C-alpha atoms as a PDB file:
ATOM      1  CA  MET A   1      60.610 132.683  43.170  1.00  0.00           C
ATOM      2  CA  LYS A   2      63.849 134.658  43.000  1.00  0.00           C
ATOM      3  CA  THR A   3      66.771 133.771  40.792  1.00  0.00           C
ATOM      4  CA  LYS A   4      70.182 134.198  42.359  1.00  0.00           C
ATOM      5  CA  ASN A   5      73.713 133.572  41.202  1.00  0.00           C
ATOM      6  CA  VAL A   6      75.502 131.274  43.611  1.00  0.00           C
ATOM      7  CA  LYS A   7      79.275 130.855  43.600  1.00  0.00           C
ATOM      8  CA  VAL A   8      80.505 127.277  43.963  1.00  0.00           C
ATOM      9  CA  PHE A   9      83.944 125.677  43.791  1.00  0.00           C
ATOM     10  CA  ASP A  10      85.199 124.490  40.428  1.00  0.00           C
ATOM     11  CA  GLN A  11      87.749 121.729  39.795  1.00  0.00           C
ATOM     12  CA  GLU A  12      90.689 124.101  40.331  1.00  0.00           C
ATOM     13  CA  ASP A  13      89.355 124.999  43.783  1.00  0.00           C
ATOM     14  CA  LEU A  14      88.865 121.324  44.646  1.00  0.00           C
ATOM     15  CA  ASP A  15      92.440 120.594  43.513  1.00  0.00           C
ATOM     16  CA  PHE A  16      93.643 123.469  45.717  1.00  0.00           C
ATOM     17  CA  ILE A  17      91.810 121.929  48.690  1.00  0.00           C
ATOM     18  CA  ALA A  18      93.352 118.516  47.951  1.00  0.00           C
ATOM     19  CA  CYS A  19      96.838 120.044  47.843  1.00  0.00           C
ATOM     20  CA  LEU A  20      96.259 121.774  51.178  1.00  0.00           C
ATOM     21  CA  GLN A  21      95.087 118.501  52.681  1.00  0.00           C
ATOM     22  CA  ASP A  22      98.221 116.786  51.369  1.00  0.00           C
ATOM     23  CA  ILE A  23     100.380 119.158  53.413  1.00  0.00           C
ATOM     24  CA  GLY A  24      98.337 118.542  56.545  1.00  0.00           C
ATOM     25  CA  VAL A  25      95.588 121.155  56.475  1.00  0.00           C
ATOM     26  CA  GLU A  26      92.310 119.807  57.851  1.00  0.00           C
ATOM     27  CA  ARG A  27      89.560 119.453  55.188  1.00  0.00           C
ATOM     28  CA  ARG A  28      87.242 122.136  56.589  1.00  0.00           C
ATOM     29  CA  GLN A  29      90.065 124.619  57.050  1.00  0.00           C
ATOM     30  CA  ALA A  30      91.258 123.880  53.517  1.00  0.00           C
ATOM     31  CA  ALA A  31      87.773 124.650  52.176  1.00  0.00           C
ATOM     32  CA  VAL A  32      87.663 127.970  54.044  1.00  0.00           C
ATOM     33  CA  LEU A  33      91.134 128.881  52.749  1.00  0.00           C
ATOM     34  CA  ALA A  34      90.024 127.983  49.215  1.00  0.00           C
ATOM     35  CA  PHE A  35      87.120 130.393  49.644  1.00  0.00           C
ATOM     36  CA  PHE A  36      89.518 133.179  50.638  1.00  0.00           C
ATOM     37  CA  ARG A  37      91.723 132.351  47.664  1.00  0.00           C
ATOM     38  CA  VAL A  38      89.081 133.991  45.461  1.00  0.00           C
ATOM     39  CA  GLU A  39      87.106 136.199  47.878  1.00  0.00           C
ATOM     40  CA  GLU A  40      88.475 138.924  50.149  1.00  0.00           C
ATOM     41  CA  VAL A  41      85.617 138.842  52.677  1.00  0.00           C
ATOM     42  CA  GLY A  42      82.638 136.638  53.368  1.00  0.00           C
ATOM     43  CA  THR A  43      80.039 135.693  55.911  1.00  0.00           C
ATOM     44  CA  SER A  44      79.634 132.243  57.379  1.00  0.00           C
ATOM     45  CA  ARG A  45      76.727 131.706  54.979  1.00  0.00           C
ATOM     46  CA  ASP A  46      78.834 132.761  51.965  1.00  0.00           C
ATOM     47  CA  ILE A  47      81.516 130.257  52.922  1.00  0.00           C
ATOM     48  CA  GLU A  48      78.948 127.535  53.633  1.00  0.00           C
ATOM     49  CA  VAL A  49      77.304 127.843  50.223  1.00  0.00           C
ATOM     50  CA  THR A  50      80.488 128.289  48.195  1.00  0.00           C
ATOM     51  CA  ALA A  51      82.504 125.587  49.938  1.00  0.00           C
ATOM     52  CA  MET A  52      79.529 123.209  50.148  1.00  0.00           C
ATOM     53  CA  ILE A  53      80.135 122.494  53.835  1.00  0.00           C
ATOM     54  CA  ARG A  54      77.645 122.737  56.684  1.00  0.00           C
ATOM     55  CA  GLN A  55      77.483 125.766  58.963  1.00  0.00           C
ATOM     56  CA  PRO A  56      78.889 123.968  62.035  1.00  0.00           C
ATOM     57  CA  GLU A  57      81.886 122.887  59.934  1.00  0.00           C
ATOM     58  CA  VAL A  58      82.434 126.495  58.847  1.00  0.00           C
ATOM     59  CA  SER A  59      82.363 127.627  62.487  1.00  0.00           C
ATOM     60  CA  ILE A  60      84.834 124.935  63.552  1.00  0.00           C
ATOM     61  CA  ALA A  61      87.228 125.829  60.728  1.00  0.00           C
ATOM     62  CA  ILE A  62      86.941 129.584  61.292  1.00  0.00           C
ATOM     63  CA  THR A  63      87.530 129.142  65.030  1.00  0.00           C
ATOM     64  CA  ALA A  64      90.668 127.071  64.420  1.00  0.00           C
ATOM     65  CA  LEU A  65      92.005 129.556  61.852  1.00  0.00           C
ATOM     66  CA  ARG A  66      91.238 132.487  64.167  1.00  0.00           C
ATOM     67  CA  LYS A  67      93.176 130.816  67.005  1.00  0.00           C
ATOM     68  CA  LEU A  68      96.164 130.625  64.667  1.00  0.00           C
ATOM     69  CA  GLY A  69      95.731 134.333  63.878  1.00  0.00           C
ATOM     70  CA  PHE A  70      94.922 133.741  60.205  1.00  0.00           C
ATOM     71  CA  VAL A  71      91.332 135.057  60.082  1.00  0.00           C
ATOM     72  CA  ASN A  72      89.756 138.338  61.224  1.00  0.00           C
ATOM     73  CA  ALA A  73      86.111 138.646  62.218  1.00  0.00           C
ATOM     74  CA  GLU A  74      84.083 141.846  62.153  1.00  0.00           C
ATOM     75  CA  GLN A  75      80.500 142.178  63.312  1.00  0.00           C
ATOM     76  CA  ILE A  76      78.231 143.867  60.801  1.00  0.00           C
ATOM     77  CA  VAL A  77      74.548 144.780  60.942  1.00  0.00           C
ATOM     78  CA  VAL A  78      72.331 142.541  58.831  1.00  0.00           C
ATOM     79  CA  PRO A  79      70.684 144.797  56.235  1.00  0.00           C
ATOM     80  CA  GLY A  80      66.928 145.098  56.784  1.00  0.00           C
ATOM     81  CA  LYS A  81      67.064 143.250  60.119  1.00  0.00           C
ATOM     82  CA  LYS A  82      67.030 145.766  62.943  1.00  0.00           C
ATOM     83  CA  GLY A  83      69.348 144.745  65.764  1.00  0.00           C
ATOM     84  CA  GLN A  84      70.677 141.601  64.083  1.00  0.00           C
ATOM     85  CA  TYR A  85      74.380 141.143  63.499  1.00  0.00           C
ATOM     86  CA  THR A  86      76.498 138.710  61.576  1.00  0.00           C
ATOM     87  CA  ASN A  87      80.222 138.173  61.350  1.00  0.00           C
ATOM     88  CA  GLU A  88      82.153 139.022  58.236  1.00  0.00           C
ATOM     89  CA  TYR A  89      85.440 137.169  57.886  1.00  0.00           C
ATOM     90  CA  SER A  90      88.649 138.020  56.061  1.00  0.00           C
ATOM     91  CA  LEU A  91      92.232 136.798  56.078  1.00  0.00           C
ATOM     92  CA  ALA A  92      94.504 138.464  58.621  1.00  0.00           C
ATOM     93  CA  VAL A  93      97.685 137.406  56.792  1.00  0.00           C
ATOM     94  CA  PRO A  94      98.396 136.670  53.134  1.00  0.00           C
ATOM     95  CA  LEU A  95      97.412 133.190  51.951  1.00  0.00           C
ATOM     96  CA  PRO A  96     100.992 132.254  50.911  1.00  0.00           C
ATOM     97  CA  ASP A  97     102.102 132.853  54.529  1.00  0.00           C
ATOM     98  CA  ILE A  98      99.334 130.570  55.804  1.00  0.00           C
ATOM     99  CA  ILE A  99     100.320 127.846  53.336  1.00  0.00           C
ATOM    100  CA  ASP A 100     103.954 128.248  54.383  1.00  0.00           C
ATOM    101  CA  HIS A 101     102.950 127.812  58.049  1.00  0.00           C
ATOM    102  CA  PHE A 102     101.361 124.428  57.343  1.00  0.00           C
ATOM    103  CA  TRP A 103     104.251 123.448  55.051  1.00  0.00           C
ATOM    104  CA  GLN A 104     106.776 124.151  57.811  1.00  0.00           C
ATOM    105  CA  ILE A 105     104.807 121.938  60.205  1.00  0.00           C
ATOM    106  CA  LYS A 106     104.848 119.110  57.646  1.00  0.00           C
ATOM    107  CA  LEU A 107     108.591 119.566  57.017  1.00  0.00           C
ATOM    108  CA  LYS A 108     109.249 119.291  60.749  1.00  0.00           C
ATOM    109  CA  GLU A 109     107.187 116.084  60.909  1.00  0.00           C
ATOM    110  CA  TRP A 110     109.156 114.613  58.000  1.00  0.00           C
ATOM    111  CA  GLY A 111     112.447 115.660  59.608  1.00  0.00           C
ATOM    112  CA  ASP A 112     111.422 113.996  62.872  1.00  0.00           C
ATOM    113  CA  MET A 113     110.530 110.795  60.992  1.00  0.00           C
ATOM    114  CA  MET A 114     113.898 110.833  59.232  1.00  0.00           C
ATOM    115  CA  ASP A 115     115.680 111.281  62.576  1.00  0.00           C
ATOM    116  CA  ASN A 116     113.781 108.288  63.959  1.00  0.00           C
ATOM    117  CA  TYR A 117     114.690 106.223  60.910  1.00  0.00           C
ATOM    118  CA  LYS A 118     118.371 107.101  61.346  1.00  0.00           C
ATOM    119  CA  LYS A 119     118.199 106.112  65.030  1.00  0.00           C
ATOM    120  CA  LEU A 120     116.581 102.787  64.079  1.00  0.00           C
ATOM    121  CA  SER A 121     119.305 102.045  61.549  1.00  0.00           C
ATOM    122  CA  GLU A 122     121.945 102.458  64.284  1.00  0.00           C
ATOM    123  CA  TYR A 123     120.500  99.660  66.416  1.00  0.00           C
ATOM    124  CA  GLU A 124     122.091  96.247  66.223  1.00  0.00           C
ATOM    125  CA  ILE A 125     119.705  93.887  64.526  1.00  0.00           C
ATOM    126  CA  ARG A 126     120.282  90.182  65.038  1.00  0.00           C
ATOM    127  CA  PRO A 127     119.847  87.863  62.078  1.00  0.00           C
ATOM    128  CA  PHE A 128     116.506  86.156  61.686  1.00  0.00           C
ATOM    129  CA  ALA A 129     116.749  82.545  62.825  1.00  0.00           C
ATOM    130  CA  GLY A 130     113.455  81.510  61.288  1.00  0.00           C
END
């Protein structure tokens, strides 16, 4: 049996994921972004093992982040496997810019809620007759 070193998230990484979720980032996407916080490139398998999420969840998150233009994918040949390829992923933009994108979305949501609250406060409200 082989012995391998496997990278896994520590408490700081889990806190980072929780903070991303608090500003509206979906859990799987937050886990992928946490992976790229410490790694420059990685395969789907690397992300799956490190982030402790299943492969379909990695694919869903990567697809969503690619649609936003945040992740690059490059096909590479699997070493020792003739004719087999895998994707290697990396961030297309700096992580602070990605965080700012999600933050701006959340700020707009909060602004819209405040506007609605102001509109509600302008309505005449009749006293409760009980």
